[in-house]
């Protein structure tokens, strides 16, 4: 899971005023419990923190049905 937090950086003049500010984001990596990545991402979103969790859709098959499941692409 990758987290970003806005940071203010002086990027030079805008329209000749000399007071330009660009917003860049810092990246953080969070270590979370296995199989809790999506839940942590939801909680961070509620707190106003952007997060990125790479997922891949796979078809899982049981004896009675097939279902499309999102699996996290991070190694264990």
C-alpha atoms as a PDB file:
ATOM      1  CA  UNK A   1       0.000   0.000   0.000  1.00  0.00           C
ATOM      2  CA  UNK A   2       1.343   3.417  -0.925  1.00  0.00           C
ATOM      3  CA  UNK A   3       0.191   6.570   0.853  1.00  0.00           C
ATOM      4  CA  UNK A   4       0.484  10.171  -0.288  1.00  0.00           C
ATOM      5  CA  UNK A   5       0.270  13.358   1.727  1.00  0.00           C
ATOM      6  CA  UNK A   6       0.089  16.851   0.166  1.00  0.00           C
ATOM      7  CA  UNK A   7       3.095  19.091   0.738  1.00  0.00           C
ATOM      8  CA  UNK A   8       3.513  22.739  -0.184  1.00  0.00           C
ATOM      9  CA  UNK A   9       6.629  23.585  -2.214  1.00  0.00           C
ATOM     10  CA  UNK A  10       7.717  26.963  -3.590  1.00  0.00           C
ATOM     11  CA  UNK A  11       7.799  26.539  -7.365  1.00  0.00           C
ATOM     12  CA  UNK A  12       8.648  30.051  -8.491  1.00  0.00           C
ATOM     13  CA  UNK A  13       6.620  32.953  -9.830  1.00  0.00           C
ATOM     14  CA  UNK A  14       3.138  32.681 -11.306  1.00  0.00           C
ATOM     15  CA  UNK A  15       2.012  35.555 -13.550  1.00  0.00           C
ATOM     16  CA  UNK A  16       4.933  37.687 -12.398  1.00  0.00           C
ATOM     17  CA  UNK A  17       3.810  37.952  -8.759  1.00  0.00           C
ATOM     18  CA  UNK A  18       6.724  35.952  -7.363  1.00  0.00           C
ATOM     19  CA  UNK A  19       4.483  34.046  -4.933  1.00  0.00           C
ATOM     20  CA  UNK A  20       3.830  30.772  -6.791  1.00  0.00           C
ATOM     21  CA  UNK A  21       3.187  27.606  -4.808  1.00  0.00           C
ATOM     22  CA  UNK A  22       2.920  24.147  -6.322  1.00  0.00           C
ATOM     23  CA  UNK A  23       1.520  21.195  -4.414  1.00  0.00           C
ATOM     24  CA  UNK A  24       3.483  17.989  -4.645  1.00  0.00           C
ATOM     25  CA  UNK A  25       2.806  14.757  -2.806  1.00  0.00           C
ATOM     26  CA  UNK A  26       5.160  12.733  -0.664  1.00  0.00           C
ATOM     27  CA  UNK A  27       4.975   8.951  -0.865  1.00  0.00           C
ATOM     28  CA  UNK A  28       4.970   6.666   2.154  1.00  0.00           C
ATOM     29  CA  UNK A  29       4.809   2.884   2.416  1.00  0.00           C
ATOM     30  CA  UNK A  30       2.627   1.323   5.104  1.00  0.00           C
ATOM     31  CA  UNK A  31       3.195  -2.155   6.480  1.00  0.00           C
ATOM     32  CA  UNK A  32      -0.196  -3.724   7.226  1.00  0.00           C
ATOM     33  CA  UNK A  33      -1.427  -7.147   8.299  1.00  0.00           C
ATOM     34  CA  UNK A  34      -1.788  -9.719   5.555  1.00  0.00           C
ATOM     35  CA  UNK A  35      -5.240  -9.658   3.857  1.00  0.00           C
ATOM     36  CA  UNK A  36      -6.123  -6.301   5.498  1.00  0.00           C
ATOM     37  CA  UNK A  37      -4.861  -4.064   2.677  1.00  0.00           C
ATOM     38  CA  UNK A  38      -8.265  -3.067   1.291  1.00  0.00           C
ATOM     39  CA  UNK A  39      -9.757  -2.381   4.738  1.00  0.00           C
ATOM     40  CA  UNK A  40      -6.809  -0.138   5.684  1.00  0.00           C
ATOM     41  CA  UNK A  41      -7.175   1.692   2.368  1.00  0.00           C
ATOM     42  CA  UNK A  42     -10.871   2.339   3.113  1.00  0.00           C
ATOM     43  CA  UNK A  43     -10.060   3.703   6.577  1.00  0.00           C
ATOM     44  CA  UNK A  44      -7.332   5.976   5.203  1.00  0.00           C
ATOM     45  CA  UNK A  45      -9.782   7.316   2.605  1.00  0.00           C
ATOM     46  CA  UNK A  46     -12.227   8.185   5.397  1.00  0.00           C
ATOM     47  CA  UNK A  47      -9.384  10.107   7.083  1.00  0.00           C
ATOM     48  CA  UNK A  48      -8.739  12.073   3.868  1.00  0.00           C
ATOM     49  CA  UNK A  49      -5.453  10.354   2.978  1.00  0.00           C
ATOM     50  CA  UNK A  50      -4.995   9.161  -0.609  1.00  0.00           C
ATOM     51  CA  UNK A  51      -3.793   5.582  -0.945  1.00  0.00           C
ATOM     52  CA  UNK A  52      -2.979   3.162  -3.749  1.00  0.00           C
ATOM     53  CA  UNK A  53      -3.414  -0.601  -3.498  1.00  0.00           C
ATOM     54  CA  UNK A  54      -2.673  -2.518  -6.721  1.00  0.00           C
ATOM     55  CA  UNK A  55      -5.276  -5.258  -7.255  1.00  0.00           C
ATOM     56  CA  UNK A  56      -5.948  -7.833  -9.945  1.00  0.00           C
ATOM     57  CA  UNK A  57      -9.278  -9.479 -10.707  1.00  0.00           C
ATOM     58  CA  UNK A  58      -9.252 -13.274 -10.745  1.00  0.00           C
ATOM     59  CA  UNK A  59     -11.976 -15.869 -11.118  1.00  0.00           C
ATOM     60  CA  UNK A  60     -12.214 -18.214  -8.138  1.00  0.00           C
ATOM     61  CA  UNK A  61     -14.202 -21.391  -8.584  1.00  0.00           C
ATOM     62  CA  UNK A  62     -15.948 -23.380  -5.885  1.00  0.00           C
ATOM     63  CA  UNK A  63     -17.954 -26.562  -6.283  1.00  0.00           C
ATOM     64  CA  UNK A  64     -21.217 -24.630  -6.694  1.00  0.00           C
ATOM     65  CA  UNK A  65     -20.220 -21.279  -8.260  1.00  0.00           C
ATOM     66  CA  UNK A  66     -17.600 -19.047  -9.854  1.00  0.00           C
ATOM     67  CA  UNK A  67     -16.869 -15.542  -8.590  1.00  0.00           C
ATOM     68  CA  UNK A  68     -14.708 -12.598  -9.692  1.00  0.00           C
ATOM     69  CA  UNK A  69     -12.405 -11.689  -6.763  1.00  0.00           C
ATOM     70  CA  UNK A  70     -10.000  -8.747  -6.375  1.00  0.00           C
ATOM     71  CA  UNK A  71      -6.593  -9.942  -5.150  1.00  0.00           C
ATOM     72  CA  UNK A  72      -3.752  -7.689  -4.008  1.00  0.00           C
ATOM     73  CA  UNK A  73      -0.672  -7.718  -6.260  1.00  0.00           C
ATOM     74  CA  UNK A  74       1.908  -7.341  -3.491  1.00  0.00           C
ATOM     75  CA  UNK A  75       4.195 -10.253  -2.630  1.00  0.00           C
ATOM     76  CA  UNK A  76       3.835 -11.929   0.745  1.00  0.00           C
END
